[in-house]
């Protein structure tokens, strides 16, 4: 285990924040977060895996400490995120690597593993997402992502965060405290709100074509693991079963007692990643 290193780099014309863990001489592992989250969500897994891997946990454009888009929805696309991923890999001199993607990060991983990075992604972990996201689930996500609240205190914000992300399941107090600290910012009036640009919700609207990845999924050749939360409303059992039988035909692992999405933060989930990445 090593301490994380915070890096800012020019990625496709935007300032990108990346948290790096481990020895750059080790095999590379990219961990890409979900729609309204940040790379710091992976701290537990990245720390544990950093003994064997050089782990990169970027903040997607418009989230965390990365820059916000200059053209709104026109920049919040998988094409832009893919270009930024290329820049990040070039910056660190990485050729071959594994990809772990939660939700949006999983769909982006599918897109890149079937296209621009097809020959470079050796292992692909798709965490609780598939090509068919139920309409009600997409609407639920769009409602809270596109209309972020403000709070007088960090304590109030943390209470909202824990309630909103209760489907993450049981996690340590340290996880929730860090998630709070790394997910907030102050507004111009001093109130507390989320650490992302509300315009990122365009993935559920103007840019929803990015979610149509069945063709890309069928073209993936990387070794693939599919993880599903037992009570997930984003990856229904029927879609997970269909994914199991086509494309890369991944092993399917269901994480009990959580919904969307497993955090990959406890020992059992980290061991699952470690075993798969070693194949």
C-alpha atoms as a PDB file:
ATOM      1  CA  UNK A   1       0.000   0.000   0.000  1.00  0.00           C
ATOM      2  CA  UNK A   2       1.171   3.514  -0.789  1.00  0.00           C
ATOM      3  CA  UNK A   3      -0.065   7.029  -0.183  1.00  0.00           C
ATOM      4  CA  UNK A   4      -2.069   8.593  -3.027  1.00  0.00           C
ATOM      5  CA  UNK A   5      -0.543  11.288  -5.211  1.00  0.00           C
ATOM      6  CA  UNK A   6      -2.692  14.087  -6.604  1.00  0.00           C
ATOM      7  CA  UNK A   7      -1.807  15.006 -10.204  1.00  0.00           C
ATOM      8  CA  UNK A   8      -3.189  17.658 -12.554  1.00  0.00           C
ATOM      9  CA  UNK A   9      -2.556  17.315 -16.273  1.00  0.00           C
ATOM     10  CA  UNK A  10      -3.658  18.725 -19.626  1.00  0.00           C
ATOM     11  CA  UNK A  11      -6.063  16.192 -21.107  1.00  0.00           C
ATOM     12  CA  UNK A  12      -7.567  16.992 -24.520  1.00  0.00           C
ATOM     13  CA  UNK A  13      -7.450  20.687 -23.682  1.00  0.00           C
ATOM     14  CA  UNK A  14      -8.956  20.401 -20.195  1.00  0.00           C
ATOM     15  CA  UNK A  15      -7.291  20.302 -16.791  1.00  0.00           C
ATOM     16  CA  UNK A  16      -7.805  16.802 -15.433  1.00  0.00           C
ATOM     17  CA  UNK A  17      -7.299  15.645 -11.868  1.00  0.00           C
ATOM     18  CA  UNK A  18      -5.999  12.119 -11.305  1.00  0.00           C
ATOM     19  CA  UNK A  19      -5.291  10.359  -8.015  1.00  0.00           C
ATOM     20  CA  UNK A  20      -2.402   7.948  -8.584  1.00  0.00           C
ATOM     21  CA  UNK A  21      -1.474   5.040  -6.325  1.00  0.00           C
ATOM     22  CA  UNK A  22       1.507   2.671  -6.336  1.00  0.00           C
ATOM     23  CA  UNK A  23       4.684   2.181  -8.335  1.00  0.00           C
ATOM     24  CA  UNK A  24       4.516   3.444 -11.956  1.00  0.00           C
ATOM     25  CA  UNK A  25       6.597   0.403 -12.872  1.00  0.00           C
ATOM     26  CA  UNK A  26       3.770  -1.974 -11.935  1.00  0.00           C
ATOM     27  CA  UNK A  27       1.011  -3.071 -14.348  1.00  0.00           C
ATOM     28  CA  UNK A  28      -1.468  -0.246 -14.835  1.00  0.00           C
ATOM     29  CA  UNK A  29      -5.062  -0.207 -13.621  1.00  0.00           C
ATOM     30  CA  UNK A  30      -7.562   2.553 -14.451  1.00  0.00           C
ATOM     31  CA  UNK A  31     -10.580   2.924 -12.148  1.00  0.00           C
ATOM     32  CA  UNK A  32     -13.312   5.160 -13.597  1.00  0.00           C
ATOM     33  CA  UNK A  33     -16.190   6.349 -11.430  1.00  0.00           C
ATOM     34  CA  UNK A  34     -19.924   6.823 -11.991  1.00  0.00           C
ATOM     35  CA  UNK A  35     -21.931   9.727 -13.378  1.00  0.00           C
ATOM     36  CA  UNK A  36     -21.926  12.138 -10.420  1.00  0.00           C
ATOM     37  CA  UNK A  37     -19.030  10.740  -8.419  1.00  0.00           C
ATOM     38  CA  UNK A  38     -15.242  11.227  -8.269  1.00  0.00           C
ATOM     39  CA  UNK A  39     -12.146   9.079  -8.472  1.00  0.00           C
ATOM     40  CA  UNK A  40     -11.770   9.254  -4.690  1.00  0.00           C
ATOM     41  CA  UNK A  41     -14.629   6.757  -4.355  1.00  0.00           C
ATOM     42  CA  UNK A  42     -12.060   4.045  -5.096  1.00  0.00           C
ATOM     43  CA  UNK A  43      -9.644   4.894  -2.267  1.00  0.00           C
ATOM     44  CA  UNK A  44     -10.041   1.564  -0.431  1.00  0.00           C
ATOM     45  CA  UNK A  45      -9.639  -0.583  -3.540  1.00  0.00           C
ATOM     46  CA  UNK A  46      -6.871   1.581  -5.007  1.00  0.00           C
ATOM     47  CA  UNK A  47      -4.911   1.506  -1.755  1.00  0.00           C
ATOM     48  CA  UNK A  48      -5.220  -2.263  -1.417  1.00  0.00           C
ATOM     49  CA  UNK A  49      -4.347  -2.964  -5.056  1.00  0.00           C
ATOM     50  CA  UNK A  50      -1.484  -0.478  -5.207  1.00  0.00           C
ATOM     51  CA  UNK A  51       0.933  -3.089  -3.873  1.00  0.00           C
ATOM     52  CA  UNK A  52       0.669  -4.870  -7.244  1.00  0.00           C
ATOM     53  CA  UNK A  53      -0.647  -2.218  -9.644  1.00  0.00           C
ATOM     54  CA  UNK A  54      -0.100   1.372 -10.653  1.00  0.00           C
ATOM     55  CA  UNK A  55      -3.649   2.606 -10.068  1.00  0.00           C
ATOM     56  CA  UNK A  56      -5.083   5.723 -11.710  1.00  0.00           C
ATOM     57  CA  UNK A  57      -8.380   7.156 -10.462  1.00  0.00           C
ATOM     58  CA  UNK A  58      -9.351  10.179 -12.582  1.00  0.00           C
ATOM     59  CA  UNK A  59     -12.066  12.732 -11.920  1.00  0.00           C
ATOM     60  CA  UNK A  60     -14.149  12.925 -15.082  1.00  0.00           C
ATOM     61  CA  UNK A  61     -14.595  16.319 -16.735  1.00  0.00           C
ATOM     62  CA  UNK A  62     -17.029  18.378 -14.659  1.00  0.00           C
ATOM     63  CA  UNK A  63     -16.517  16.369 -11.475  1.00  0.00           C
ATOM     64  CA  UNK A  64     -14.307  16.633  -8.419  1.00  0.00           C
ATOM     65  CA  UNK A  65     -11.146  18.642  -9.010  1.00  0.00           C
ATOM     66  CA  UNK A  66     -11.163  18.378 -12.804  1.00  0.00           C
ATOM     67  CA  UNK A  67     -12.178  21.339 -14.962  1.00  0.00           C
ATOM     68  CA  UNK A  68     -15.769  21.918 -16.028  1.00  0.00           C
ATOM     69  CA  UNK A  69     -16.831  21.844 -19.668  1.00  0.00           C
ATOM     70  CA  UNK A  70     -16.635  25.030 -21.691  1.00  0.00           C
ATOM     71  CA  UNK A  71     -19.537  24.064 -23.979  1.00  0.00           C
ATOM     72  CA  UNK A  72     -21.819  22.267 -21.541  1.00  0.00           C
ATOM     73  CA  UNK A  73     -23.465  19.169 -22.978  1.00  0.00           C
ATOM     74  CA  UNK A  74     -21.337  19.373 -26.140  1.00  0.00           C
ATOM     75  CA  UNK A  75     -18.272  18.486 -24.038  1.00  0.00           C
ATOM     76  CA  UNK A  76     -19.894  16.026 -21.634  1.00  0.00           C
ATOM     77  CA  UNK A  77     -19.670  13.108 -24.034  1.00  0.00           C
ATOM     78  CA  UNK A  78     -17.946   9.742 -24.163  1.00  0.00           C
ATOM     79  CA  UNK A  79     -15.939  11.071 -27.116  1.00  0.00           C
ATOM     80  CA  UNK A  80     -14.442  13.792 -24.901  1.00  0.00           C
ATOM     81  CA  UNK A  81     -13.929  11.430 -21.969  1.00  0.00           C
ATOM     82  CA  UNK A  82     -12.209   8.972 -24.282  1.00  0.00           C
ATOM     83  CA  UNK A  83      -9.873  11.675 -25.571  1.00  0.00           C
ATOM     84  CA  UNK A  84      -9.070  12.629 -21.999  1.00  0.00           C
ATOM     85  CA  UNK A  85      -8.374   8.983 -21.116  1.00  0.00           C
ATOM     86  CA  UNK A  86      -5.941   8.835 -24.062  1.00  0.00           C
ATOM     87  CA  UNK A  87      -4.171  11.955 -22.791  1.00  0.00           C
ATOM     88  CA  UNK A  88      -3.943  10.509 -19.295  1.00  0.00           C
ATOM     89  CA  UNK A  89      -2.426   7.254 -20.590  1.00  0.00           C
ATOM     90  CA  UNK A  90       0.076   9.200 -22.715  1.00  0.00           C
ATOM     91  CA  UNK A  91       1.003  11.390 -19.762  1.00  0.00           C
ATOM     92  CA  UNK A  92       1.885   8.359 -17.643  1.00  0.00           C
ATOM     93  CA  UNK A  93       3.419   6.403 -20.538  1.00  0.00           C
ATOM     94  CA  UNK A  94       0.944   3.523 -20.306  1.00  0.00           C
ATOM     95  CA  UNK A  95       0.347   1.043 -23.118  1.00  0.00           C
ATOM     96  CA  UNK A  96      -1.445  -2.035 -21.760  1.00  0.00           C
ATOM     97  CA  UNK A  97      -3.754  -1.740 -18.739  1.00  0.00           C
ATOM     98  CA  UNK A  98      -6.854  -3.036 -16.985  1.00  0.00           C
ATOM     99  CA  UNK A  99     -10.067  -1.007 -16.565  1.00  0.00           C
ATOM    100  CA  UNK A 100     -12.526  -1.045 -13.677  1.00  0.00           C
ATOM    101  CA  UNK A 101     -15.606   1.073 -14.349  1.00  0.00           C
ATOM    102  CA  UNK A 102     -18.581   1.763 -12.105  1.00  0.00           C
ATOM    103  CA  UNK A 103     -21.859   2.678 -13.817  1.00  0.00           C
ATOM    104  CA  UNK A 104     -20.938   5.421 -16.343  1.00  0.00           C
ATOM    105  CA  UNK A 105     -17.316   4.331 -15.996  1.00  0.00           C
ATOM    106  CA  UNK A 106     -18.347   0.829 -17.005  1.00  0.00           C
ATOM    107  CA  UNK A 107     -20.149   2.025 -20.141  1.00  0.00           C
ATOM    108  CA  UNK A 108     -17.173   4.200 -21.057  1.00  0.00           C
ATOM    109  CA  UNK A 109     -14.922   1.182 -20.554  1.00  0.00           C
ATOM    110  CA  UNK A 110     -17.083  -0.896 -22.898  1.00  0.00           C
ATOM    111  CA  UNK A 111     -16.981   1.855 -25.520  1.00  0.00           C
ATOM    112  CA  UNK A 112     -13.196   2.167 -25.376  1.00  0.00           C
ATOM    113  CA  UNK A 113     -12.518  -1.581 -25.099  1.00  0.00           C
ATOM    114  CA  UNK A 114     -14.464  -2.100 -28.310  1.00  0.00           C
ATOM    115  CA  UNK A 115     -12.998   0.893 -30.101  1.00  0.00           C
ATOM    116  CA  UNK A 116     -10.083   3.245 -29.591  1.00  0.00           C
ATOM    117  CA  UNK A 117      -8.420   1.205 -26.817  1.00  0.00           C
ATOM    118  CA  UNK A 118      -9.420  -2.259 -28.024  1.00  0.00           C
ATOM    119  CA  UNK A 119      -5.851  -3.571 -28.228  1.00  0.00           C
ATOM    120  CA  UNK A 120      -4.762  -1.969 -24.961  1.00  0.00           C
ATOM    121  CA  UNK A 121      -7.385  -2.996 -22.381  1.00  0.00           C
ATOM    122  CA  UNK A 122      -6.535  -6.490 -21.154  1.00  0.00           C
ATOM    123  CA  UNK A 123      -9.150  -6.787 -18.397  1.00  0.00           C
ATOM    124  CA  UNK A 124     -12.514  -5.040 -18.114  1.00  0.00           C
ATOM    125  CA  UNK A 125     -14.653  -4.880 -14.965  1.00  0.00           C
ATOM    126  CA  UNK A 126     -18.184  -3.601 -15.545  1.00  0.00           C
ATOM    127  CA  UNK A 127     -19.679  -2.602 -12.209  1.00  0.00           C
ATOM    128  CA  UNK A 128     -23.477  -2.591 -12.107  1.00  0.00           C
ATOM    129  CA  UNK A 129     -24.458  -1.228 -15.485  1.00  0.00           C
ATOM    130  CA  UNK A 130     -25.562  -2.542 -18.857  1.00  0.00           C
ATOM    131  CA  UNK A 131     -26.739  -1.420 -22.282  1.00  0.00           C
ATOM    132  CA  UNK A 132     -30.406  -1.403 -21.220  1.00  0.00           C
ATOM    133  CA  UNK A 133     -30.990   1.008 -18.319  1.00  0.00           C
ATOM    134  CA  UNK A 134     -34.659   0.985 -17.240  1.00  0.00           C
ATOM    135  CA  UNK A 135     -36.486   4.236 -17.915  1.00  0.00           C
ATOM    136  CA  UNK A 136     -37.554   4.722 -14.297  1.00  0.00           C
ATOM    137  CA  UNK A 137     -33.989   4.220 -13.087  1.00  0.00           C
ATOM    138  CA  UNK A 138     -32.633   6.698 -15.619  1.00  0.00           C
ATOM    139  CA  UNK A 139     -35.270   9.206 -14.527  1.00  0.00           C
ATOM    140  CA  UNK A 140     -34.384   8.695 -10.852  1.00  0.00           C
ATOM    141  CA  UNK A 141     -30.722   9.403 -11.542  1.00  0.00           C
ATOM    142  CA  UNK A 142     -31.475  12.390 -13.753  1.00  0.00           C
ATOM    143  CA  UNK A 143     -33.741  13.923 -11.099  1.00  0.00           C
ATOM    144  CA  UNK A 144     -31.119  14.069  -8.365  1.00  0.00           C
ATOM    145  CA  UNK A 145     -28.075  14.687 -10.567  1.00  0.00           C
ATOM    146  CA  UNK A 146     -29.673  17.504 -12.533  1.00  0.00           C
ATOM    147  CA  UNK A 147     -31.159  19.266  -9.517  1.00  0.00           C
ATOM    148  CA  UNK A 148     -28.468  19.330  -6.833  1.00  0.00           C
ATOM    149  CA  UNK A 149     -29.606  20.809  -3.501  1.00  0.00           C
ATOM    150  CA  UNK A 150     -27.739  23.260  -1.301  1.00  0.00           C
ATOM    151  CA  UNK A 151     -27.276  23.072   2.449  1.00  0.00           C
ATOM    152  CA  UNK A 152     -26.393  25.375   5.311  1.00  0.00           C
ATOM    153  CA  UNK A 153     -23.979  22.885   6.893  1.00  0.00           C
ATOM    154  CA  UNK A 154     -21.742  19.999   5.909  1.00  0.00           C
ATOM    155  CA  UNK A 155     -23.628  17.833   8.420  1.00  0.00           C
ATOM    156  CA  UNK A 156     -26.862  18.426   6.493  1.00  0.00           C
ATOM    157  CA  UNK A 157     -25.100  17.651   3.232  1.00  0.00           C
ATOM    158  CA  UNK A 158     -23.672  14.415   4.626  1.00  0.00           C
ATOM    159  CA  UNK A 159     -27.121  13.297   5.782  1.00  0.00           C
ATOM    160  CA  UNK A 160     -28.488  13.902   2.266  1.00  0.00           C
ATOM    161  CA  UNK A 161     -25.537  12.102   0.693  1.00  0.00           C
ATOM    162  CA  UNK A 162     -25.975   9.026   2.868  1.00  0.00           C
ATOM    163  CA  UNK A 163     -29.699   8.897   2.087  1.00  0.00           C
ATOM    164  CA  UNK A 164     -29.270   9.452  -1.650  1.00  0.00           C
ATOM    165  CA  UNK A 165     -26.538   6.844  -1.937  1.00  0.00           C
ATOM    166  CA  UNK A 166     -28.038   4.348   0.496  1.00  0.00           C
ATOM    167  CA  UNK A 167     -28.183   1.794  -2.382  1.00  0.00           C
ATOM    168  CA  UNK A 168     -24.375   1.653  -2.079  1.00  0.00           C
ATOM    169  CA  UNK A 169     -25.063  -0.714   0.807  1.00  0.00           C
ATOM    170  CA  UNK A 170     -23.137  -1.082   4.047  1.00  0.00           C
ATOM    171  CA  UNK A 171     -19.862   0.832   4.131  1.00  0.00           C
ATOM    172  CA  UNK A 172     -17.520   1.991   6.865  1.00  0.00           C
ATOM    173  CA  UNK A 173     -17.862   5.316   8.635  1.00  0.00           C
ATOM    174  CA  UNK A 174     -14.495   6.269   7.110  1.00  0.00           C
ATOM    175  CA  UNK A 175     -15.912   5.639   3.623  1.00  0.00           C
ATOM    176  CA  UNK A 176     -18.907   7.923   4.172  1.00  0.00           C
ATOM    177  CA  UNK A 177     -16.803  10.640   5.780  1.00  0.00           C
ATOM    178  CA  UNK A 178     -14.335  10.653   2.893  1.00  0.00           C
ATOM    179  CA  UNK A 179     -17.180  10.539   0.378  1.00  0.00           C
ATOM    180  CA  UNK A 180     -18.611  13.635   2.046  1.00  0.00           C
ATOM    181  CA  UNK A 181     -15.307  15.495   2.139  1.00  0.00           C
ATOM    182  CA  UNK A 182     -14.458  14.718  -1.489  1.00  0.00           C
ATOM    183  CA  UNK A 183     -17.950  15.342  -2.878  1.00  0.00           C
ATOM    184  CA  UNK A 184     -18.737  18.857  -1.689  1.00  0.00           C
ATOM    185  CA  UNK A 185     -17.933  22.427  -2.601  1.00  0.00           C
ATOM    186  CA  UNK A 186     -19.039  25.854  -1.436  1.00  0.00           C
ATOM    187  CA  UNK A 187     -21.244  28.031  -3.604  1.00  0.00           C
ATOM    188  CA  UNK A 188     -20.546  31.731  -4.135  1.00  0.00           C
ATOM    189  CA  UNK A 189     -22.881  32.434  -1.211  1.00  0.00           C
ATOM    190  CA  UNK A 190     -21.114  29.969   1.091  1.00  0.00           C
ATOM    191  CA  UNK A 191     -23.699  27.200   1.004  1.00  0.00           C
ATOM    192  CA  UNK A 192     -22.656  23.566   0.617  1.00  0.00           C
ATOM    193  CA  UNK A 193     -23.470  21.639  -2.552  1.00  0.00           C
ATOM    194  CA  UNK A 194     -22.222  18.801  -4.751  1.00  0.00           C
ATOM    195  CA  UNK A 195     -18.783  18.865  -6.379  1.00  0.00           C
ATOM    196  CA  UNK A 196     -19.935  18.581  -9.994  1.00  0.00           C
ATOM    197  CA  UNK A 197     -21.415  20.614 -12.815  1.00  0.00           C
ATOM    198  CA  UNK A 198     -25.185  19.920 -13.012  1.00  0.00           C
ATOM    199  CA  UNK A 199     -24.864  19.943 -16.822  1.00  0.00           C
ATOM    200  CA  UNK A 200     -23.296  16.450 -16.639  1.00  0.00           C
ATOM    201  CA  UNK A 201     -26.880  15.166 -16.520  1.00  0.00           C
ATOM    202  CA  UNK A 202     -26.875  15.563 -20.317  1.00  0.00           C
ATOM    203  CA  UNK A 203     -25.808  11.896 -20.438  1.00  0.00           C
ATOM    204  CA  UNK A 204     -29.394  11.083 -19.510  1.00  0.00           C
ATOM    205  CA  UNK A 205     -30.784  13.562 -22.059  1.00  0.00           C
ATOM    206  CA  UNK A 206     -29.045  15.154 -25.038  1.00  0.00           C
ATOM    207  CA  UNK A 207     -26.181  12.658 -24.936  1.00  0.00           C
ATOM    208  CA  UNK A 208     -28.134   9.514 -24.102  1.00  0.00           C
ATOM    209  CA  UNK A 209     -26.928   7.948 -27.376  1.00  0.00           C
ATOM    210  CA  UNK A 210     -23.683   7.323 -25.453  1.00  0.00           C
ATOM    211  CA  UNK A 211     -25.646   4.800 -23.358  1.00  0.00           C
ATOM    212  CA  UNK A 212     -26.410   2.641 -26.413  1.00  0.00           C
ATOM    213  CA  UNK A 213     -23.468   0.254 -26.193  1.00  0.00           C
ATOM    214  CA  UNK A 214     -24.841  -3.159 -27.228  1.00  0.00           C
ATOM    215  CA  UNK A 215     -22.876  -3.143 -30.482  1.00  0.00           C
ATOM    216  CA  UNK A 216     -19.734  -2.106 -28.646  1.00  0.00           C
ATOM    217  CA  UNK A 217     -20.345  -4.691 -25.955  1.00  0.00           C
ATOM    218  CA  UNK A 218     -20.580  -7.461 -28.550  1.00  0.00           C
ATOM    219  CA  UNK A 219     -17.202  -6.374 -29.937  1.00  0.00           C
ATOM    220  CA  UNK A 220     -15.321  -6.481 -26.603  1.00  0.00           C
ATOM    221  CA  UNK A 221     -12.536  -9.086 -26.533  1.00  0.00           C
ATOM    222  CA  UNK A 222     -10.909  -8.201 -23.196  1.00  0.00           C
ATOM    223  CA  UNK A 223     -11.310 -10.599 -20.299  1.00  0.00           C
ATOM    224  CA  UNK A 224     -14.453  -9.283 -18.638  1.00  0.00           C
ATOM    225  CA  UNK A 225     -16.070  -9.452 -15.208  1.00  0.00           C
ATOM    226  CA  UNK A 226     -19.626  -8.222 -14.632  1.00  0.00           C
ATOM    227  CA  UNK A 227     -20.609  -7.180 -11.098  1.00  0.00           C
ATOM    228  CA  UNK A 228     -24.206  -6.541 -10.061  1.00  0.00           C
ATOM    229  CA  UNK A 229     -25.741  -5.259  -6.849  1.00  0.00           C
ATOM    230  CA  UNK A 230     -28.411  -7.670  -5.631  1.00  0.00           C
ATOM    231  CA  UNK A 231     -31.093  -4.978  -5.526  1.00  0.00           C
ATOM    232  CA  UNK A 232     -29.840  -2.835  -8.414  1.00  0.00           C
ATOM    233  CA  UNK A 233     -32.468  -0.936 -10.376  1.00  0.00           C
ATOM    234  CA  UNK A 234     -29.907   0.042 -13.045  1.00  0.00           C
ATOM    235  CA  UNK A 235     -28.758  -3.448 -14.046  1.00  0.00           C
ATOM    236  CA  UNK A 236     -31.820  -5.739 -13.959  1.00  0.00           C
ATOM    237  CA  UNK A 237     -31.245  -9.508 -13.734  1.00  0.00           C
ATOM    238  CA  UNK A 238     -32.583  -9.991 -17.278  1.00  0.00           C
ATOM    239  CA  UNK A 239     -30.020  -7.589 -18.747  1.00  0.00           C
ATOM    240  CA  UNK A 240     -27.209  -9.105 -16.692  1.00  0.00           C
ATOM    241  CA  UNK A 241     -28.184 -12.565 -17.944  1.00  0.00           C
ATOM    242  CA  UNK A 242     -28.215 -11.341 -21.555  1.00  0.00           C
ATOM    243  CA  UNK A 243     -24.762  -9.808 -21.090  1.00  0.00           C
ATOM    244  CA  UNK A 244     -23.536 -13.091 -19.662  1.00  0.00           C
ATOM    245  CA  UNK A 245     -24.486 -14.930 -22.863  1.00  0.00           C
ATOM    246  CA  UNK A 246     -23.110 -12.555 -25.496  1.00  0.00           C
ATOM    247  CA  UNK A 247     -20.136 -10.344 -26.293  1.00  0.00           C
ATOM    248  CA  UNK A 248     -17.234 -11.179 -23.956  1.00  0.00           C
ATOM    249  CA  UNK A 249     -19.477 -13.634 -22.012  1.00  0.00           C
ATOM    250  CA  UNK A 250     -18.252 -12.421 -18.622  1.00  0.00           C
ATOM    251  CA  UNK A 251     -18.475 -14.132 -15.294  1.00  0.00           C
ATOM    252  CA  UNK A 252     -21.364 -12.562 -13.362  1.00  0.00           C
ATOM    253  CA  UNK A 253     -20.967 -11.912  -9.641  1.00  0.00           C
ATOM    254  CA  UNK A 254     -23.877 -10.584  -7.568  1.00  0.00           C
ATOM    255  CA  UNK A 255     -23.008  -8.578  -4.461  1.00  0.00           C
ATOM    256  CA  UNK A 256     -25.584  -9.175  -1.711  1.00  0.00           C
ATOM    257  CA  UNK A 257     -27.392  -6.502   0.285  1.00  0.00           C
ATOM    258  CA  UNK A 258     -26.729  -3.540  -1.998  1.00  0.00           C
ATOM    259  CA  UNK A 259     -28.256  -1.829  -4.993  1.00  0.00           C
ATOM    260  CA  UNK A 260     -26.664   0.556  -7.458  1.00  0.00           C
ATOM    261  CA  UNK A 261     -23.781   0.305  -7.171  1.00  0.00           C
ATOM    262  CA  UNK A 262     -21.332  -1.874  -5.206  1.00  0.00           C
ATOM    263  CA  UNK A 263     -18.579   0.404  -3.926  1.00  0.00           C
ATOM    264  CA  UNK A 264     -15.752  -2.153  -4.331  1.00  0.00           C
ATOM    265  CA  UNK A 265     -14.568  -0.961  -0.933  1.00  0.00           C
ATOM    266  CA  UNK A 266     -14.826  -4.016   1.345  1.00  0.00           C
ATOM    267  CA  UNK A 267     -12.413  -6.923   1.585  1.00  0.00           C
ATOM    268  CA  UNK A 268     -14.613  -9.372  -0.315  1.00  0.00           C
ATOM    269  CA  UNK A 269     -15.108  -7.052  -3.293  1.00  0.00           C
ATOM    270  CA  UNK A 270     -11.431  -6.072  -3.360  1.00  0.00           C
ATOM    271  CA  UNK A 271     -10.440  -9.759  -3.307  1.00  0.00           C
ATOM    272  CA  UNK A 272     -12.834 -10.319  -6.214  1.00  0.00           C
ATOM    273  CA  UNK A 273     -11.014  -7.630  -8.213  1.00  0.00           C
ATOM    274  CA  UNK A 274      -7.592  -8.919  -7.221  1.00  0.00           C
ATOM    275  CA  UNK A 275      -8.392 -12.488  -8.291  1.00  0.00           C
ATOM    276  CA  UNK A 276      -9.894 -11.415 -11.616  1.00  0.00           C
ATOM    277  CA  UNK A 277      -7.074  -9.027 -12.484  1.00  0.00           C
ATOM    278  CA  UNK A 278      -4.519 -11.787 -11.824  1.00  0.00           C
ATOM    279  CA  UNK A 279      -6.044 -14.117 -14.448  1.00  0.00           C
END
